[in-house]
Amino acid sequence: MQQGQTFISDCHFTPQTMFIWGPHKQWCKNIVRIDELPDGFNSLMDQKGYYAVKLGEQKHNSKAGKCENLSVHSFWPETKNLIKQVYAQDFAKLDYPPPM
C-alpha cells in the first residue's frame, strides 16, 4: 500500500474511504458499518425496495480456525503504527478507533 500498490490482494487491503470518497466528491451516500451488520445492510435493502435481499444472522469466516486467538493485542507496536498510517483516513472519516 505504501509503495503505491493500492489494489493488491484483490483489493482486500484498500482503505475503505477510497471506495466512498473520490478526489472531488463522495461516491457513496449509504455507508454500512461492519459493526452494524447484518441489520444496517438489511435496513438499506428495505429502504431501496430490495426486500428479498438479506444478510443472515450467522457469520462465517472460512479462516477463523487458523488464528483463533488473534486480536489487536497480538500485533507489534510497529505493525499497529503502520495500520494507523495506511488507514488514517478510514479511522478519521468513518469514526473507528485506531488500534491501541
C-alpha atoms as a PDB file:
ATOM      1  CA  MET A   1       0.000   0.000   0.000  1.00  0.00           C
ATOM      2  CA  GLN A   2       2.674   2.492   0.957  1.00  0.00           C
ATOM      3  CA  GLN A   3       4.557   1.729  -2.258  1.00  0.00           C
ATOM      4  CA  GLY A   4       1.532   2.613  -4.388  1.00  0.00           C
ATOM      5  CA  GLN A   5       0.112  -0.889  -4.852  1.00  0.00           C
ATOM      6  CA  THR A   6      -3.331   0.244  -3.758  1.00  0.00           C
ATOM      7  CA  PHE A   7      -5.317  -2.670  -5.139  1.00  0.00           C
ATOM      8  CA  ILE A   8      -3.113  -5.645  -4.178  1.00  0.00           C
ATOM      9  CA  SER A   9      -4.598  -8.935  -2.954  1.00  0.00           C
ATOM     10  CA  ASP A  10      -7.921  -8.442  -4.719  1.00  0.00           C
ATOM     11  CA  CYS A  11      -8.376  -5.026  -3.024  1.00  0.00           C
ATOM     12  CA  HIS A  12      -8.554  -6.575   0.462  1.00  0.00           C
ATOM     13  CA  PHE A  13      -6.091  -4.006   1.814  1.00  0.00           C
ATOM     14  CA  THR A  14      -7.523  -0.952   0.039  1.00  0.00           C
ATOM     15  CA  PRO A  15      -8.659   1.701   2.525  1.00  0.00           C
ATOM     16  CA  GLN A  16     -12.457   1.798   2.610  1.00  0.00           C
ATOM     17  CA  THR A  17     -12.512   5.567   2.180  1.00  0.00           C
ATOM     18  CA  MET A  18     -11.168   5.074  -1.351  1.00  0.00           C
ATOM     19  CA  PHE A  19     -14.412   3.283  -2.237  1.00  0.00           C
ATOM     20  CA  ILE A  20     -16.549   6.031  -0.680  1.00  0.00           C
ATOM     21  CA  TRP A  21     -14.837   9.352  -1.483  1.00  0.00           C
ATOM     22  CA  GLY A  22     -13.216  10.485  -4.709  1.00  0.00           C
ATOM     23  CA  PRO A  23     -10.933  13.498  -5.089  1.00  0.00           C
ATOM     24  CA  HIS A  24     -13.848  15.889  -5.558  1.00  0.00           C
ATOM     25  CA  LYS A  25     -16.962  14.179  -4.270  1.00  0.00           C
ATOM     26  CA  GLN A  26     -18.431  11.439  -2.128  1.00  0.00           C
ATOM     27  CA  TRP A  27     -19.353   8.467  -4.314  1.00  0.00           C
ATOM     28  CA  CYS A  28     -21.387   6.532  -1.771  1.00  0.00           C
ATOM     29  CA  LYS A  29     -24.086   8.072   0.373  1.00  0.00           C
ATOM     30  CA  ASN A  30     -25.183   4.871   2.098  1.00  0.00           C
ATOM     31  CA  ILE A  31     -22.375   3.663   4.329  1.00  0.00           C
ATOM     32  CA  VAL A  32     -22.998   0.428   6.209  1.00  0.00           C
ATOM     33  CA  ARG A  33     -20.527  -0.112   9.010  1.00  0.00           C
ATOM     34  CA  ILE A  34     -19.234  -3.620   9.627  1.00  0.00           C
ATOM     35  CA  ASP A  35     -20.203  -3.344  13.297  1.00  0.00           C
ATOM     36  CA  GLU A  36     -23.814  -2.695  12.203  1.00  0.00           C
ATOM     37  CA  LEU A  37     -24.137  -5.888  10.143  1.00  0.00           C
ATOM     38  CA  PRO A  38     -26.467  -7.506   9.324  1.00  0.00           C
ATOM     39  CA  ASP A  39     -29.144  -5.029  10.483  1.00  0.00           C
ATOM     40  CA  GLY A  40     -27.666  -1.981   8.723  1.00  0.00           C
ATOM     41  CA  PHE A  41     -27.454  -3.805   5.402  1.00  0.00           C
ATOM     42  CA  ASN A  42     -30.928  -5.291   5.703  1.00  0.00           C
ATOM     43  CA  SER A  43     -32.420  -1.880   6.531  1.00  0.00           C
ATOM     44  CA  LEU A  44     -30.740  -0.365   3.482  1.00  0.00           C
ATOM     45  CA  MET A  45     -32.103  -3.104   1.232  1.00  0.00           C
ATOM     46  CA  ASP A  46     -35.600  -2.464   2.626  1.00  0.00           C
ATOM     47  CA  GLN A  47     -35.237   1.299   2.036  1.00  0.00           C
ATOM     48  CA  LYS A  48     -34.234   0.655  -1.575  1.00  0.00           C
ATOM     49  CA  GLY A  49     -37.071  -1.825  -2.157  1.00  0.00           C
ATOM     50  CA  TYR A  50     -34.921  -4.956  -2.338  1.00  0.00           C
ATOM     51  CA  TYR A  51     -36.957  -6.842   0.251  1.00  0.00           C
ATOM     52  CA  ALA A  52     -35.704 -10.297  -0.789  1.00  0.00           C
ATOM     53  CA  VAL A  53     -32.012  -9.355  -0.392  1.00  0.00           C
ATOM     54  CA  LYS A  54     -30.963 -10.027   3.207  1.00  0.00           C
ATOM     55  CA  LEU A  55     -27.920 -10.981   5.224  1.00  0.00           C
ATOM     56  CA  GLY A  56     -28.470 -13.724   7.754  1.00  0.00           C
ATOM     57  CA  GLU A  57     -27.516 -13.521  11.396  1.00  0.00           C
ATOM     58  CA  GLN A  58     -24.869 -16.235  11.117  1.00  0.00           C
ATOM     59  CA  LYS A  59     -21.351 -15.007  10.425  1.00  0.00           C
ATOM     60  CA  HIS A  60     -18.980 -17.296   8.561  1.00  0.00           C
ATOM     61  CA  ASN A  61     -15.233 -16.889   8.326  1.00  0.00           C
ATOM     62  CA  SER A  62     -13.591 -19.746   6.474  1.00  0.00           C
ATOM     63  CA  LYS A  63     -10.228 -18.947   8.096  1.00  0.00           C
ATOM     64  CA  ALA A  64     -11.473 -18.388  11.658  1.00  0.00           C
ATOM     65  CA  GLY A  65      -9.832 -21.578  12.897  1.00  0.00           C
ATOM     66  CA  LYS A  66      -6.407 -20.534  11.605  1.00  0.00           C
ATOM     67  CA  CYS A  67      -5.959 -17.675  14.093  1.00  0.00           C
ATOM     68  CA  GLU A  68      -8.432 -18.339  16.881  1.00  0.00           C
ATOM     69  CA  ASN A  69      -6.794 -16.080  19.448  1.00  0.00           C
ATOM     70  CA  LEU A  70      -5.782 -13.261  17.108  1.00  0.00           C
ATOM     71  CA  SER A  71      -6.721  -9.805  18.387  1.00  0.00           C
ATOM     72  CA  VAL A  72      -5.430  -6.254  18.214  1.00  0.00           C
ATOM     73  CA  HIS A  73      -3.198  -7.144  21.175  1.00  0.00           C
ATOM     74  CA  SER A  74      -1.418  -9.744  19.008  1.00  0.00           C
ATOM     75  CA  PHE A  75       0.220  -7.085  16.811  1.00  0.00           C
ATOM     76  CA  TRP A  76       3.598  -5.486  17.456  1.00  0.00           C
ATOM     77  CA  PRO A  77       3.637  -1.723  18.080  1.00  0.00           C
ATOM     78  CA  GLU A  78       5.352  -1.246  14.683  1.00  0.00           C
ATOM     79  CA  THR A  79       2.506  -3.082  12.954  1.00  0.00           C
ATOM     80  CA  LYS A  80      -0.111  -1.014  14.765  1.00  0.00           C
ATOM     81  CA  ASN A  81       1.677   2.179  13.710  1.00  0.00           C
ATOM     82  CA  LEU A  82       1.721   1.012  10.097  1.00  0.00           C
ATOM     83  CA  ILE A  83      -2.012   0.268  10.255  1.00  0.00           C
ATOM     84  CA  LYS A  84      -2.635   3.727  11.738  1.00  0.00           C
ATOM     85  CA  GLN A  85      -0.699   5.344   8.873  1.00  0.00           C
ATOM     86  CA  VAL A  86      -2.161   3.369   5.969  1.00  0.00           C
ATOM     87  CA  TYR A  87      -5.749   3.557   7.239  1.00  0.00           C
ATOM     88  CA  ALA A  88      -5.645   7.023   8.840  1.00  0.00           C
ATOM     89  CA  GLN A  89      -8.463   8.292   6.602  1.00  0.00           C
ATOM     90  CA  ASP A  90     -10.619   5.265   7.438  1.00  0.00           C
ATOM     91  CA  PHE A  91     -10.226   5.886  11.165  1.00  0.00           C
ATOM     92  CA  ALA A  92     -10.888   9.612  10.807  1.00  0.00           C
ATOM     93  CA  LYS A  93     -13.723   9.715   8.265  1.00  0.00           C
ATOM     94  CA  LEU A  94     -15.524   6.554   9.359  1.00  0.00           C
ATOM     95  CA  ASP A  95     -15.092   7.238  13.076  1.00  0.00           C
ATOM     96  CA  TYR A  96     -13.388   3.981  14.026  1.00  0.00           C
ATOM     97  CA  PRO A  97     -10.811   3.971  16.824  1.00  0.00           C
ATOM     98  CA  PRO A  98      -7.264   3.169  15.656  1.00  0.00           C
ATOM     99  CA  PRO A  99      -5.597   0.108  17.214  1.00  0.00           C
ATOM    100  CA  MET A 100      -4.106   0.772  20.624  1.00  0.00           C
END
